[in-house]
Amino acid sequence: MEPDAKSRGGRPWSFDRDMAVETAMRLFWRHGYEGVSVGDLTKAIGIAPPSLYAAFGSKAGLYQEALNRYEQSLGSLDMMPVASAATLAEAVRRLLESAVGAVTHPDRERSCMVSSGMTACHPDHAALARDLATRRDAMRKRIAQALAPFADAGEAGRLARHLVAVMQGISIQAKDGASPAELQEIVEDMVAGVAARSSGGGQSHRGA
């Protein structure tokens, strides 16, 4: 138990908040928001529903904290390998191979919690779906920014949108059981297309 944590009623919480968010993240990641009930959460965390509501306000509040935890740790896009690439095609390869590695890692769920999260949901959860859409759009903007040294703004923006779509597909196919080798074929096709377009007159080298 966190020694200084207090419920809204002034009583100490009987659980570790950080561990609770971690546990919830794993459940939501595996089963989706609508596939996890408050009962599932309280059983896994080891608390009663009033404690969950006192700590997080609602199931939706806990879900958003779980999303933040995911994005700040396991789900963050590492742009450093992209930044050190020599060509646009190499930058795309590094980005997509990182995505494949993330969704096929043996210690993780076989999907991206953000890329494939709440793409369809009950109307009551529309606000959460919009939040996920906003997070995906932020991912697209980070990718476009990372590709900016290799292409003009228009090309980087278009390619970033294409890459987000490909990464969403990779996440779904990984969830469906596609192997790393099968997903790598998608990477190779995408890289080949970018390389061919670049060699046909597009900007391909940093600073070209």
N, C-alpha and C. Protein backbone atom coordinates (compact mmCIF):
# COMPACT_ATOMS: atom_id res chain seq x y z
N MET A 1 0.84 -1.20 0.00
CA MET A 1 0.00 0.00 0.00
C MET A 1 0.87 1.24 0.00
N GLU A 2 0.44 2.26 -0.74
CA GLU A 2 1.17 3.51 -0.70
C GLU A 2 0.88 4.18 0.63
N PRO A 3 1.90 4.46 1.45
CA PRO A 3 1.66 4.90 2.81
C PRO A 3 0.91 6.21 2.94
N ASP A 4 1.03 7.13 1.94
CA ASP A 4 0.40 8.44 2.08
C ASP A 4 -0.87 8.58 1.27
N ALA A 5 -1.24 7.52 0.54
CA ALA A 5 -2.42 7.62 -0.31
C ALA A 5 -3.67 7.66 0.54
N LYS A 6 -4.61 8.53 0.14
CA LYS A 6 -5.86 8.67 0.88
C LYS A 6 -7.04 8.59 -0.09
N SER A 7 -8.10 7.98 0.34
CA SER A 7 -9.31 7.97 -0.45
C SER A 7 -10.02 9.30 -0.27
N ARG A 8 -11.07 9.51 -1.05
CA ARG A 8 -11.81 10.76 -0.91
C ARG A 8 -12.46 10.87 0.47
N GLY A 9 -12.70 9.76 1.12
CA GLY A 9 -13.29 9.80 2.44
C GLY A 9 -12.27 9.93 3.54
N GLY A 10 -10.99 10.02 3.18
CA GLY A 10 -9.94 10.21 4.16
C GLY A 10 -9.31 8.93 4.65
N ARG A 11 -9.84 7.76 4.24
CA ARG A 11 -9.25 6.51 4.68
C ARG A 11 -8.13 6.08 3.73
N PRO A 12 -7.12 5.38 4.21
CA PRO A 12 -6.05 4.93 3.33
C PRO A 12 -6.58 3.92 2.31
N TRP A 13 -6.11 4.02 1.08
CA TRP A 13 -6.42 2.98 0.10
C TRP A 13 -5.67 1.72 0.46
N SER A 14 -6.30 0.58 0.19
CA SER A 14 -5.67 -0.69 0.53
C SER A 14 -4.99 -1.32 -0.67
N PHE A 15 -4.47 -0.49 -1.57
CA PHE A 15 -3.78 -1.03 -2.74
C PHE A 15 -2.73 -0.05 -3.22
N ASP A 16 -1.83 -0.54 -4.05
CA ASP A 16 -0.78 0.26 -4.65
C ASP A 16 -1.33 0.85 -5.94
N ARG A 17 -1.49 2.16 -5.99
CA ARG A 17 -2.09 2.80 -7.16
C ARG A 17 -1.30 2.53 -8.43
N ASP A 18 0.02 2.60 -8.34
CA ASP A 18 0.86 2.39 -9.52
C ASP A 18 0.67 0.98 -10.07
N MET A 19 0.62 0.01 -9.17
CA MET A 19 0.42 -1.38 -9.60
C MET A 19 -1.00 -1.57 -10.14
N ALA A 20 -1.95 -0.85 -9.58
CA ALA A 20 -3.32 -0.94 -10.07
C ALA A 20 -3.40 -0.48 -11.52
N VAL A 21 -2.75 0.63 -11.84
CA VAL A 21 -2.76 1.14 -13.21
C VAL A 21 -2.07 0.16 -14.15
N GLU A 22 -0.97 -0.42 -13.70
CA GLU A 22 -0.25 -1.42 -14.50
C GLU A 22 -1.14 -2.62 -14.78
N THR A 23 -1.82 -3.12 -13.76
CA THR A 23 -2.71 -4.27 -13.92
C THR A 23 -3.85 -3.94 -14.87
N ALA A 24 -4.45 -2.76 -14.71
CA ALA A 24 -5.53 -2.34 -15.59
C ALA A 24 -5.05 -2.21 -17.03
N MET A 25 -3.86 -1.64 -17.21
CA MET A 25 -3.31 -1.49 -18.55
C MET A 25 -3.22 -2.83 -19.25
N ARG A 26 -2.74 -3.85 -18.54
CA ARG A 26 -2.59 -5.18 -19.14
C ARG A 26 -3.95 -5.76 -19.51
N LEU A 27 -4.94 -5.56 -18.65
CA LEU A 27 -6.28 -6.09 -18.95
C LEU A 27 -6.90 -5.37 -20.15
N PHE A 28 -6.86 -4.05 -20.15
CA PHE A 28 -7.43 -3.30 -21.26
C PHE A 28 -6.69 -3.59 -22.57
N TRP A 29 -5.39 -3.73 -22.48
CA TRP A 29 -4.56 -4.02 -23.66
C TRP A 29 -4.96 -5.37 -24.25
N ARG A 30 -5.21 -6.34 -23.39
CA ARG A 30 -5.52 -7.69 -23.86
C ARG A 30 -6.95 -7.82 -24.37
N HIS A 31 -7.90 -7.18 -23.67
CA HIS A 31 -9.31 -7.43 -23.96
C HIS A 31 -10.07 -6.22 -24.51
N GLY A 32 -9.45 -5.05 -24.53
CA GLY A 32 -10.15 -3.85 -24.96
C GLY A 32 -11.00 -3.26 -23.85
N TYR A 33 -11.40 -2.01 -24.03
CA TYR A 33 -12.14 -1.32 -22.98
C TYR A 33 -13.46 -2.02 -22.65
N GLU A 34 -14.22 -2.36 -23.69
CA GLU A 34 -15.53 -2.95 -23.46
C GLU A 34 -15.45 -4.42 -23.07
N GLY A 35 -14.29 -5.01 -23.23
CA GLY A 35 -14.11 -6.41 -22.84
C GLY A 35 -13.69 -6.59 -21.40
N VAL A 36 -13.55 -5.49 -20.67
CA VAL A 36 -13.13 -5.54 -19.26
C VAL A 36 -14.20 -4.85 -18.42
N SER A 37 -14.73 -5.56 -17.44
CA SER A 37 -15.74 -4.99 -16.56
C SER A 37 -15.10 -4.43 -15.30
N VAL A 38 -15.88 -3.64 -14.56
CA VAL A 38 -15.40 -3.15 -13.27
C VAL A 38 -15.09 -4.32 -12.36
N GLY A 39 -15.91 -5.37 -12.44
CA GLY A 39 -15.65 -6.57 -11.65
C GLY A 39 -14.32 -7.22 -12.00
N ASP A 40 -14.00 -7.27 -13.29
CA ASP A 40 -12.71 -7.82 -13.72
C ASP A 40 -11.57 -7.01 -13.12
N LEU A 41 -11.73 -5.69 -13.16
CA LEU A 41 -10.67 -4.80 -12.66
C LEU A 41 -10.48 -4.95 -11.15
N THR A 42 -11.58 -4.91 -10.41
CA THR A 42 -11.46 -4.98 -8.96
C THR A 42 -10.92 -6.34 -8.51
N LYS A 43 -11.31 -7.39 -9.21
CA LYS A 43 -10.79 -8.72 -8.87
C LYS A 43 -9.30 -8.81 -9.13
N ALA A 44 -8.85 -8.29 -10.27
CA ALA A 44 -7.43 -8.37 -10.62
C ALA A 44 -6.58 -7.48 -9.71
N ILE A 45 -7.11 -6.31 -9.35
CA ILE A 45 -6.37 -5.38 -8.51
C ILE A 45 -6.44 -5.78 -7.04
N GLY A 46 -7.57 -6.41 -6.67
CA GLY A 46 -7.74 -6.85 -5.29
C GLY A 46 -8.38 -5.80 -4.40
N ILE A 47 -9.35 -5.06 -4.98
CA ILE A 47 -10.04 -4.02 -4.21
C ILE A 47 -11.53 -4.12 -4.46
N ALA A 48 -12.32 -3.38 -3.68
CA ALA A 48 -13.75 -3.29 -3.88
C ALA A 48 -14.07 -2.13 -4.83
N PRO A 49 -15.21 -2.17 -5.52
CA PRO A 49 -15.56 -1.09 -6.44
C PRO A 49 -15.50 0.31 -5.85
N PRO A 50 -15.96 0.52 -4.59
CA PRO A 50 -15.86 1.89 -4.06
C PRO A 50 -14.43 2.43 -4.03
N SER A 51 -13.46 1.55 -3.77
CA SER A 51 -12.07 2.00 -3.77
C SER A 51 -11.60 2.38 -5.16
N LEU A 52 -12.05 1.63 -6.16
CA LEU A 52 -11.68 1.96 -7.54
C LEU A 52 -12.26 3.32 -7.93
N TYR A 53 -13.53 3.54 -7.60
CA TYR A 53 -14.16 4.82 -7.95
C TYR A 53 -13.54 5.97 -7.17
N ALA A 54 -13.18 5.72 -5.91
CA ALA A 54 -12.54 6.77 -5.12
C ALA A 54 -11.19 7.16 -5.70
N ALA A 55 -10.46 6.18 -6.22
CA ALA A 55 -9.12 6.44 -6.73
C ALA A 55 -9.12 7.03 -8.13
N PHE A 56 -10.01 6.54 -9.01
CA PHE A 56 -9.93 6.90 -10.43
C PHE A 56 -11.18 7.59 -10.97
N GLY A 57 -12.21 7.69 -10.15
CA GLY A 57 -13.43 8.37 -10.59
C GLY A 57 -14.39 7.47 -11.32
N SER A 58 -13.87 6.65 -12.22
CA SER A 58 -14.70 5.77 -13.03
C SER A 58 -13.80 4.76 -13.75
N LYS A 59 -14.43 3.79 -14.38
CA LYS A 59 -13.68 2.86 -15.23
C LYS A 59 -12.98 3.62 -16.35
N ALA A 60 -13.67 4.62 -16.92
CA ALA A 60 -13.08 5.42 -18.00
C ALA A 60 -11.86 6.17 -17.51
N GLY A 61 -11.91 6.69 -16.28
CA GLY A 61 -10.76 7.39 -15.73
C GLY A 61 -9.56 6.49 -15.58
N LEU A 62 -9.81 5.27 -15.14
CA LEU A 62 -8.73 4.30 -15.01
C LEU A 62 -8.18 3.92 -16.39
N TYR A 63 -9.07 3.80 -17.37
CA TYR A 63 -8.63 3.47 -18.73
C TYR A 63 -7.70 4.55 -19.27
N GLN A 64 -8.04 5.80 -19.04
CA GLN A 64 -7.19 6.87 -19.54
C GLN A 64 -5.83 6.89 -18.84
N GLU A 65 -5.82 6.59 -17.56
CA GLU A 65 -4.53 6.48 -16.87
C GLU A 65 -3.72 5.31 -17.42
N ALA A 66 -4.42 4.22 -17.74
CA ALA A 66 -3.74 3.05 -18.31
C ALA A 66 -3.16 3.40 -19.69
N LEU A 67 -3.91 4.17 -20.47
CA LEU A 67 -3.40 4.60 -21.78
C LEU A 67 -2.17 5.48 -21.63
N ASN A 68 -2.22 6.38 -20.66
CA ASN A 68 -1.05 7.24 -20.42
C ASN A 68 0.16 6.40 -20.05
N ARG A 69 -0.05 5.40 -19.18
CA ARG A 69 1.04 4.51 -18.78
C ARG A 69 1.61 3.79 -20.01
N TYR A 70 0.72 3.31 -20.86
CA TYR A 70 1.16 2.58 -22.06
C TYR A 70 1.98 3.49 -22.97
N GLU A 71 1.47 4.69 -23.24
CA GLU A 71 2.17 5.60 -24.15
C GLU A 71 3.52 6.05 -23.60
N GLN A 72 3.60 6.20 -22.30
CA GLN A 72 4.84 6.68 -21.69
C GLN A 72 5.89 5.59 -21.55
N SER A 73 5.49 4.34 -21.72
CA SER A 73 6.45 3.25 -21.55
C SER A 73 6.46 2.34 -22.77
N LEU A 74 5.61 1.35 -22.78
CA LEU A 74 5.67 0.32 -23.82
C LEU A 74 5.22 0.81 -25.19
N GLY A 75 4.33 1.78 -25.23
CA GLY A 75 3.77 2.17 -26.51
C GLY A 75 4.38 3.39 -27.15
N SER A 76 5.42 3.94 -26.55
CA SER A 76 6.02 5.14 -27.12
C SER A 76 6.83 4.81 -28.37
N LEU A 77 6.73 5.66 -29.37
CA LEU A 77 7.49 5.47 -30.60
C LEU A 77 8.91 5.98 -30.40
N ASP A 78 9.88 5.12 -30.58
CA ASP A 78 11.28 5.52 -30.46
C ASP A 78 11.74 6.09 -31.80
N MET A 79 11.90 7.41 -31.85
CA MET A 79 12.28 8.07 -33.09
C MET A 79 13.79 8.19 -33.27
N MET A 80 14.57 7.79 -32.27
CA MET A 80 16.01 7.92 -32.38
C MET A 80 16.60 7.13 -33.55
N PRO A 81 16.19 5.85 -33.74
CA PRO A 81 16.72 5.13 -34.91
C PRO A 81 16.35 5.79 -36.22
N VAL A 82 15.16 6.39 -36.28
CA VAL A 82 14.72 7.07 -37.49
C VAL A 82 15.59 8.30 -37.75
N ALA A 83 15.91 9.02 -36.69
CA ALA A 83 16.69 10.25 -36.83
C ALA A 83 18.08 10.00 -37.39
N SER A 84 18.63 8.81 -37.13
CA SER A 84 19.99 8.52 -37.59
C SER A 84 20.02 7.80 -38.93
N ALA A 85 18.86 7.61 -39.57
CA ALA A 85 18.83 6.96 -40.87
C ALA A 85 19.45 7.87 -41.93
N ALA A 86 19.95 7.25 -43.00
CA ALA A 86 20.58 8.01 -44.07
C ALA A 86 19.62 8.36 -45.20
N THR A 87 18.56 7.57 -45.36
CA THR A 87 17.61 7.79 -46.45
C THR A 87 16.19 7.67 -45.93
N LEU A 88 15.25 8.12 -46.74
CA LEU A 88 13.84 8.02 -46.38
C LEU A 88 13.44 6.55 -46.25
N ALA A 89 13.87 5.72 -47.20
CA ALA A 89 13.52 4.30 -47.15
C ALA A 89 14.06 3.65 -45.88
N GLU A 90 15.26 4.00 -45.50
CA GLU A 90 15.84 3.45 -44.27
C GLU A 90 15.07 3.92 -43.05
N ALA A 91 14.65 5.16 -43.05
CA ALA A 91 13.86 5.69 -41.94
C ALA A 91 12.54 4.94 -41.81
N VAL A 92 11.90 4.67 -42.94
CA VAL A 92 10.64 3.92 -42.94
C VAL A 92 10.87 2.51 -42.43
N ARG A 93 11.94 1.88 -42.87
CA ARG A 93 12.26 0.53 -42.42
C ARG A 93 12.43 0.49 -40.90
N ARG A 94 13.18 1.42 -40.36
CA ARG A 94 13.43 1.41 -38.92
C ARG A 94 12.15 1.63 -38.14
N LEU A 95 11.30 2.51 -38.63
CA LEU A 95 10.05 2.78 -37.94
C LEU A 95 9.14 1.55 -37.94
N LEU A 96 8.98 0.93 -39.10
CA LEU A 96 8.08 -0.22 -39.20
C LEU A 96 8.64 -1.45 -38.49
N GLU A 97 9.94 -1.65 -38.56
CA GLU A 97 10.51 -2.79 -37.86
C GLU A 97 10.38 -2.62 -36.35
N SER A 98 10.45 -1.39 -35.89
CA SER A 98 10.21 -1.13 -34.47
C SER A 98 8.77 -1.46 -34.10
N ALA A 99 7.83 -1.13 -34.99
CA ALA A 99 6.42 -1.43 -34.75
C ALA A 99 6.18 -2.94 -34.72
N VAL A 100 6.79 -3.66 -35.65
CA VAL A 100 6.65 -5.12 -35.67
C VAL A 100 7.23 -5.73 -34.39
N GLY A 101 8.40 -5.25 -34.00
CA GLY A 101 9.01 -5.76 -32.78
C GLY A 101 8.15 -5.53 -31.55
N ALA A 102 7.48 -4.38 -31.51
CA ALA A 102 6.66 -4.04 -30.35
C ALA A 102 5.44 -4.94 -30.23
N VAL A 103 4.80 -5.25 -31.35
CA VAL A 103 3.55 -6.04 -31.28
C VAL A 103 3.79 -7.54 -31.31
N THR A 104 5.05 -7.97 -31.46
CA THR A 104 5.35 -9.41 -31.42
C THR A 104 6.30 -9.76 -30.29
N HIS A 105 6.58 -8.79 -29.41
CA HIS A 105 7.48 -9.04 -28.29
C HIS A 105 6.87 -10.11 -27.38
N PRO A 106 7.65 -11.13 -26.99
CA PRO A 106 7.09 -12.24 -26.21
C PRO A 106 6.53 -11.84 -24.85
N ASP A 107 6.95 -10.71 -24.30
CA ASP A 107 6.48 -10.30 -22.98
C ASP A 107 5.33 -9.29 -23.06
N ARG A 108 4.80 -9.07 -24.26
CA ARG A 108 3.75 -8.07 -24.42
C ARG A 108 2.55 -8.67 -25.13
N GLU A 109 1.46 -7.94 -25.10
CA GLU A 109 0.28 -8.35 -25.87
C GLU A 109 0.57 -8.14 -27.35
N ARG A 110 -0.07 -8.96 -28.18
CA ARG A 110 0.18 -8.89 -29.62
C ARG A 110 -0.74 -7.87 -30.29
N SER A 111 -0.54 -6.63 -29.91
CA SER A 111 -1.29 -5.53 -30.52
C SER A 111 -0.74 -4.23 -29.96
N CYS A 112 -1.16 -3.13 -30.56
CA CYS A 112 -0.85 -1.80 -30.02
C CYS A 112 -2.11 -1.26 -29.37
N MET A 113 -2.03 -0.91 -28.11
CA MET A 113 -3.20 -0.46 -27.35
C MET A 113 -3.80 0.81 -27.95
N VAL A 114 -2.97 1.65 -28.57
CA VAL A 114 -3.46 2.89 -29.15
C VAL A 114 -3.91 2.69 -30.60
N SER A 115 -3.08 2.03 -31.41
CA SER A 115 -3.39 1.88 -32.84
C SER A 115 -4.71 1.17 -33.09
N SER A 116 -4.98 0.13 -32.30
CA SER A 116 -6.20 -0.64 -32.55
C SER A 116 -7.22 -0.50 -31.43
N GLY A 117 -7.06 0.52 -30.59
CA GLY A 117 -7.97 0.70 -29.47
C GLY A 117 -9.25 1.43 -29.83
N MET A 118 -10.41 0.86 -29.51
CA MET A 118 -11.73 1.48 -29.64
C MET A 118 -12.00 2.03 -31.03
N THR A 119 -11.61 1.30 -32.06
CA THR A 119 -11.95 1.70 -33.42
C THR A 119 -13.44 1.50 -33.68
N ALA A 120 -14.08 0.69 -32.85
CA ALA A 120 -15.53 0.54 -32.85
C ALA A 120 -15.96 0.39 -31.40
N CYS A 121 -17.04 1.06 -31.01
CA CYS A 121 -17.46 0.99 -29.61
C CYS A 121 -18.91 1.42 -29.48
N HIS A 122 -19.48 1.20 -28.30
CA HIS A 122 -20.83 1.64 -27.99
C HIS A 122 -20.86 3.17 -27.98
N PRO A 123 -21.97 3.77 -28.42
CA PRO A 123 -22.06 5.24 -28.42
C PRO A 123 -21.78 5.88 -27.07
N ASP A 124 -22.07 5.17 -25.99
CA ASP A 124 -21.80 5.72 -24.66
C ASP A 124 -20.32 6.00 -24.43
N HIS A 125 -19.47 5.36 -25.22
CA HIS A 125 -18.03 5.48 -25.04
C HIS A 125 -17.38 6.33 -26.13
N ALA A 126 -18.19 7.16 -26.78
CA ALA A 126 -17.69 7.97 -27.90
C ALA A 126 -16.57 8.91 -27.47
N ALA A 127 -16.65 9.44 -26.25
CA ALA A 127 -15.61 10.37 -25.79
C ALA A 127 -14.26 9.66 -25.69
N LEU A 128 -14.26 8.43 -25.21
CA LEU A 128 -13.01 7.68 -25.14
C LEU A 128 -12.49 7.36 -26.53
N ALA A 129 -13.40 7.03 -27.45
CA ALA A 129 -12.99 6.75 -28.82
C ALA A 129 -12.35 7.98 -29.45
N ARG A 130 -12.91 9.17 -29.18
CA ARG A 130 -12.31 10.40 -29.71
C ARG A 130 -10.92 10.63 -29.11
N ASP A 131 -10.77 10.29 -27.85
CA ASP A 131 -9.46 10.43 -27.21
C ASP A 131 -8.43 9.54 -27.89
N LEU A 132 -8.83 8.30 -28.21
CA LEU A 132 -7.91 7.40 -28.92
C LEU A 132 -7.58 7.94 -30.30
N ALA A 133 -8.59 8.49 -30.99
CA ALA A 133 -8.35 9.06 -32.31
C ALA A 133 -7.37 10.23 -32.23
N THR A 134 -7.49 11.03 -31.18
CA THR A 134 -6.57 12.15 -30.97
C THR A 134 -5.16 11.65 -30.73
N ARG A 135 -5.03 10.58 -29.96
CA ARG A 135 -3.70 10.00 -29.70
C ARG A 135 -3.10 9.45 -30.99
N ARG A 136 -3.92 8.82 -31.83
CA ARG A 136 -3.41 8.30 -33.09
C ARG A 136 -2.97 9.44 -34.02
N ASP A 137 -3.72 10.54 -33.99
CA ASP A 137 -3.34 11.67 -34.82
C ASP A 137 -2.04 12.30 -34.33
N ALA A 138 -1.86 12.31 -33.01
CA ALA A 138 -0.60 12.82 -32.46
C ALA A 138 0.57 11.94 -32.89
N MET A 139 0.33 10.63 -32.96
CA MET A 139 1.36 9.71 -33.45
C MET A 139 1.71 10.03 -34.90
N ARG A 140 0.68 10.29 -35.71
CA ARG A 140 0.92 10.63 -37.12
C ARG A 140 1.78 11.89 -37.23
N LYS A 141 1.49 12.88 -36.41
CA LYS A 141 2.26 14.13 -36.46
C LYS A 141 3.70 13.90 -36.04
N ARG A 142 3.93 13.02 -35.04
CA ARG A 142 5.31 12.73 -34.63
C ARG A 142 6.08 12.03 -35.73
N ILE A 143 5.39 11.15 -36.44
CA ILE A 143 6.04 10.45 -37.55
C ILE A 143 6.38 11.44 -38.66
N ALA A 144 5.45 12.32 -38.99
CA ALA A 144 5.71 13.33 -40.04
C ALA A 144 6.90 14.20 -39.66
N GLN A 145 6.98 14.57 -38.40
CA GLN A 145 8.09 15.39 -37.94
C GLN A 145 9.41 14.63 -38.07
N ALA A 146 9.38 13.34 -37.74
CA ALA A 146 10.59 12.53 -37.82
C ALA A 146 11.05 12.34 -39.26
N LEU A 147 10.10 12.35 -40.20
CA LEU A 147 10.44 12.16 -41.61
C LEU A 147 10.80 13.47 -42.31
N ALA A 148 10.59 14.59 -41.64
CA ALA A 148 10.82 15.89 -42.26
C ALA A 148 12.22 16.09 -42.82
N PRO A 149 13.29 15.54 -42.18
CA PRO A 149 14.63 15.73 -42.76
C PRO A 149 14.83 15.01 -44.10
N PHE A 150 13.94 14.09 -44.44
CA PHE A 150 14.13 13.26 -45.63
C PHE A 150 13.20 13.64 -46.78
N ALA A 151 12.22 14.49 -46.53
CA ALA A 151 11.23 14.80 -47.55
C ALA A 151 10.62 16.17 -47.28
N ASP A 152 9.99 16.75 -48.30
CA ASP A 152 9.33 18.02 -48.06
C ASP A 152 8.09 17.79 -47.20
N ALA A 153 7.51 18.87 -46.71
CA ALA A 153 6.43 18.77 -45.74
C ALA A 153 5.23 17.99 -46.28
N GLY A 154 4.89 18.22 -47.54
CA GLY A 154 3.74 17.53 -48.12
C GLY A 154 3.96 16.03 -48.20
N GLU A 155 5.13 15.63 -48.68
CA GLU A 155 5.43 14.21 -48.81
C GLU A 155 5.52 13.55 -47.44
N ALA A 156 6.17 14.22 -46.49
CA ALA A 156 6.30 13.66 -45.14
C ALA A 156 4.93 13.47 -44.51
N GLY A 157 4.03 14.41 -44.71
CA GLY A 157 2.69 14.30 -44.15
C GLY A 157 1.90 13.16 -44.76
N ARG A 158 1.96 13.04 -46.09
CA ARG A 158 1.24 11.95 -46.76
C ARG A 158 1.80 10.60 -46.35
N LEU A 159 3.11 10.49 -46.30
CA LEU A 159 3.73 9.22 -45.94
C LEU A 159 3.43 8.86 -44.49
N ALA A 160 3.41 9.86 -43.62
CA ALA A 160 3.10 9.59 -42.21
C ALA A 160 1.70 9.01 -42.06
N ARG A 161 0.74 9.55 -42.80
CA ARG A 161 -0.62 9.01 -42.74
C ARG A 161 -0.66 7.58 -43.25
N HIS A 162 0.07 7.32 -44.32
CA HIS A 162 0.15 5.97 -44.87
C HIS A 162 0.79 5.02 -43.85
N LEU A 163 1.85 5.47 -43.22
CA LEU A 163 2.54 4.61 -42.26
C LEU A 163 1.67 4.30 -41.04
N VAL A 164 0.90 5.28 -40.57
CA VAL A 164 -0.01 5.02 -39.45
C VAL A 164 -1.03 3.95 -39.84
N ALA A 165 -1.53 4.02 -41.08
CA ALA A 165 -2.48 3.00 -41.55
C ALA A 165 -1.82 1.63 -41.60
N VAL A 166 -0.58 1.59 -42.08
CA VAL A 166 0.15 0.31 -42.14
C VAL A 166 0.40 -0.23 -40.73
N MET A 167 0.77 0.64 -39.81
CA MET A 167 1.04 0.21 -38.44
C MET A 167 -0.23 -0.29 -37.76
N GLN A 168 -1.38 0.33 -38.06
CA GLN A 168 -2.64 -0.17 -37.53
C GLN A 168 -2.92 -1.57 -38.08
N GLY A 169 -2.65 -1.77 -39.36
CA GLY A 169 -2.83 -3.10 -39.95
C GLY A 169 -1.90 -4.12 -39.34
N ILE A 170 -0.65 -3.73 -39.10
CA ILE A 170 0.30 -4.63 -38.46
C ILE A 170 -0.18 -5.03 -37.07
N SER A 171 -0.71 -4.07 -36.33
CA SER A 171 -1.23 -4.36 -34.99
C SER A 171 -2.37 -5.37 -35.04
N ILE A 172 -3.29 -5.18 -35.97
CA ILE A 172 -4.44 -6.08 -36.07
C ILE A 172 -3.99 -7.46 -36.53
N GLN A 173 -3.08 -7.52 -37.51
CA GLN A 173 -2.62 -8.83 -37.98
C GLN A 173 -1.84 -9.57 -36.91
N ALA A 174 -1.07 -8.83 -36.10
CA ALA A 174 -0.36 -9.47 -34.99
C ALA A 174 -1.36 -10.05 -34.00
N LYS A 175 -2.43 -9.32 -33.72
CA LYS A 175 -3.49 -9.80 -32.83
C LYS A 175 -4.12 -11.07 -33.37
N ASP A 176 -4.23 -11.13 -34.69
CA ASP A 176 -4.82 -12.30 -35.34
C ASP A 176 -3.86 -13.48 -35.46
N GLY A 177 -2.60 -13.28 -35.05
CA GLY A 177 -1.66 -14.40 -35.02
C GLY A 177 -0.59 -14.40 -36.09
N ALA A 178 -0.47 -13.31 -36.86
CA ALA A 178 0.58 -13.26 -37.89
C ALA A 178 1.95 -13.34 -37.22
N SER A 179 2.87 -14.04 -37.85
CA SER A 179 4.22 -14.21 -37.30
C SER A 179 5.07 -12.99 -37.60
N PRO A 180 6.17 -12.80 -36.85
CA PRO A 180 7.09 -11.71 -37.18
C PRO A 180 7.57 -11.77 -38.62
N ALA A 181 7.83 -12.96 -39.14
CA ALA A 181 8.30 -13.10 -40.52
C ALA A 181 7.23 -12.62 -41.51
N GLU A 182 5.98 -12.95 -41.24
CA GLU A 182 4.90 -12.51 -42.12
C GLU A 182 4.73 -10.99 -42.06
N LEU A 183 4.85 -10.43 -40.90
CA LEU A 183 4.74 -8.99 -40.77
C LEU A 183 5.94 -8.28 -41.40
N GLN A 184 7.10 -8.93 -41.36
CA GLN A 184 8.28 -8.36 -42.00
C GLN A 184 8.09 -8.23 -43.51
N GLU A 185 7.31 -9.11 -44.09
CA GLU A 185 7.03 -9.02 -45.53
C GLU A 185 6.30 -7.70 -45.84
N ILE A 186 5.43 -7.28 -44.94
CA ILE A 186 4.74 -5.99 -45.13
C ILE A 186 5.77 -4.86 -45.11
N VAL A 187 6.70 -4.95 -44.16
CA VAL A 187 7.76 -3.94 -44.06
C VAL A 187 8.55 -3.87 -45.35
N GLU A 188 8.96 -5.04 -45.87
CA GLU A 188 9.78 -5.07 -47.09
C GLU A 188 9.05 -4.47 -48.27
N ASP A 189 7.75 -4.77 -48.40
CA ASP A 189 6.98 -4.21 -49.51
C ASP A 189 6.87 -2.69 -49.38
N MET A 190 6.65 -2.22 -48.17
CA MET A 190 6.52 -0.79 -47.96
C MET A 190 7.83 -0.07 -48.25
N VAL A 191 8.93 -0.63 -47.76
CA VAL A 191 10.24 -0.02 -47.96
C VAL A 191 10.59 -0.01 -49.45
N ALA A 192 10.29 -1.10 -50.14
CA ALA A 192 10.58 -1.17 -51.58
C ALA A 192 9.81 -0.09 -52.33
N GLY A 193 8.55 0.13 -51.94
CA GLY A 193 7.76 1.15 -52.61
C GLY A 193 8.33 2.55 -52.37
N VAL A 194 8.74 2.82 -51.13
CA VAL A 194 9.32 4.13 -50.82
C VAL A 194 10.63 4.33 -51.58
N ALA A 195 11.46 3.28 -51.61
CA ALA A 195 12.75 3.37 -52.30
C ALA A 195 12.56 3.60 -53.79
N ALA A 196 11.58 2.90 -54.39
CA ALA A 196 11.34 3.06 -55.82
C ALA A 196 10.85 4.47 -56.14
N ARG A 197 9.97 4.98 -55.29
CA ARG A 197 9.47 6.33 -55.52
C ARG A 197 10.58 7.36 -55.35
N SER A 198 11.44 7.14 -54.37
CA SER A 198 12.54 8.07 -54.14
C SER A 198 13.51 8.07 -55.31
N SER A 199 13.85 6.88 -55.81
CA SER A 199 14.81 6.79 -56.91
C SER A 199 14.23 7.34 -58.21
N GLY A 200 12.91 7.47 -58.25
CA GLY A 200 12.27 8.01 -59.44
C GLY A 200 12.22 9.50 -59.46
N GLY A 201 12.88 10.14 -58.49
CA GLY A 201 12.96 11.60 -58.52
C GLY A 201 12.57 12.26 -57.23
N GLY A 202 12.03 11.45 -56.27
CA GLY A 202 11.67 12.04 -54.99
C GLY A 202 12.89 12.25 -54.14
N GLN A 203 12.74 12.99 -53.06
CA GLN A 203 13.85 13.26 -52.17
C GLN A 203 14.08 12.04 -51.31
N SER A 204 15.29 11.50 -51.27
CA SER A 204 15.53 10.25 -50.55
C SER A 204 16.64 10.37 -49.52
N HIS A 205 17.59 11.26 -49.73
CA HIS A 205 18.72 11.37 -48.81
C HIS A 205 18.56 12.60 -47.93
N ARG A 206 19.05 12.48 -46.70
CA ARG A 206 18.98 13.62 -45.79
C ARG A 206 19.68 14.82 -46.42
N GLY A 207 18.94 15.91 -46.45
CA GLY A 207 19.53 17.14 -46.95
C GLY A 207 19.61 17.23 -48.46
N ALA A 208 19.08 16.20 -49.16
CA ALA A 208 19.17 16.21 -50.63
C ALA A 208 18.30 17.31 -51.22
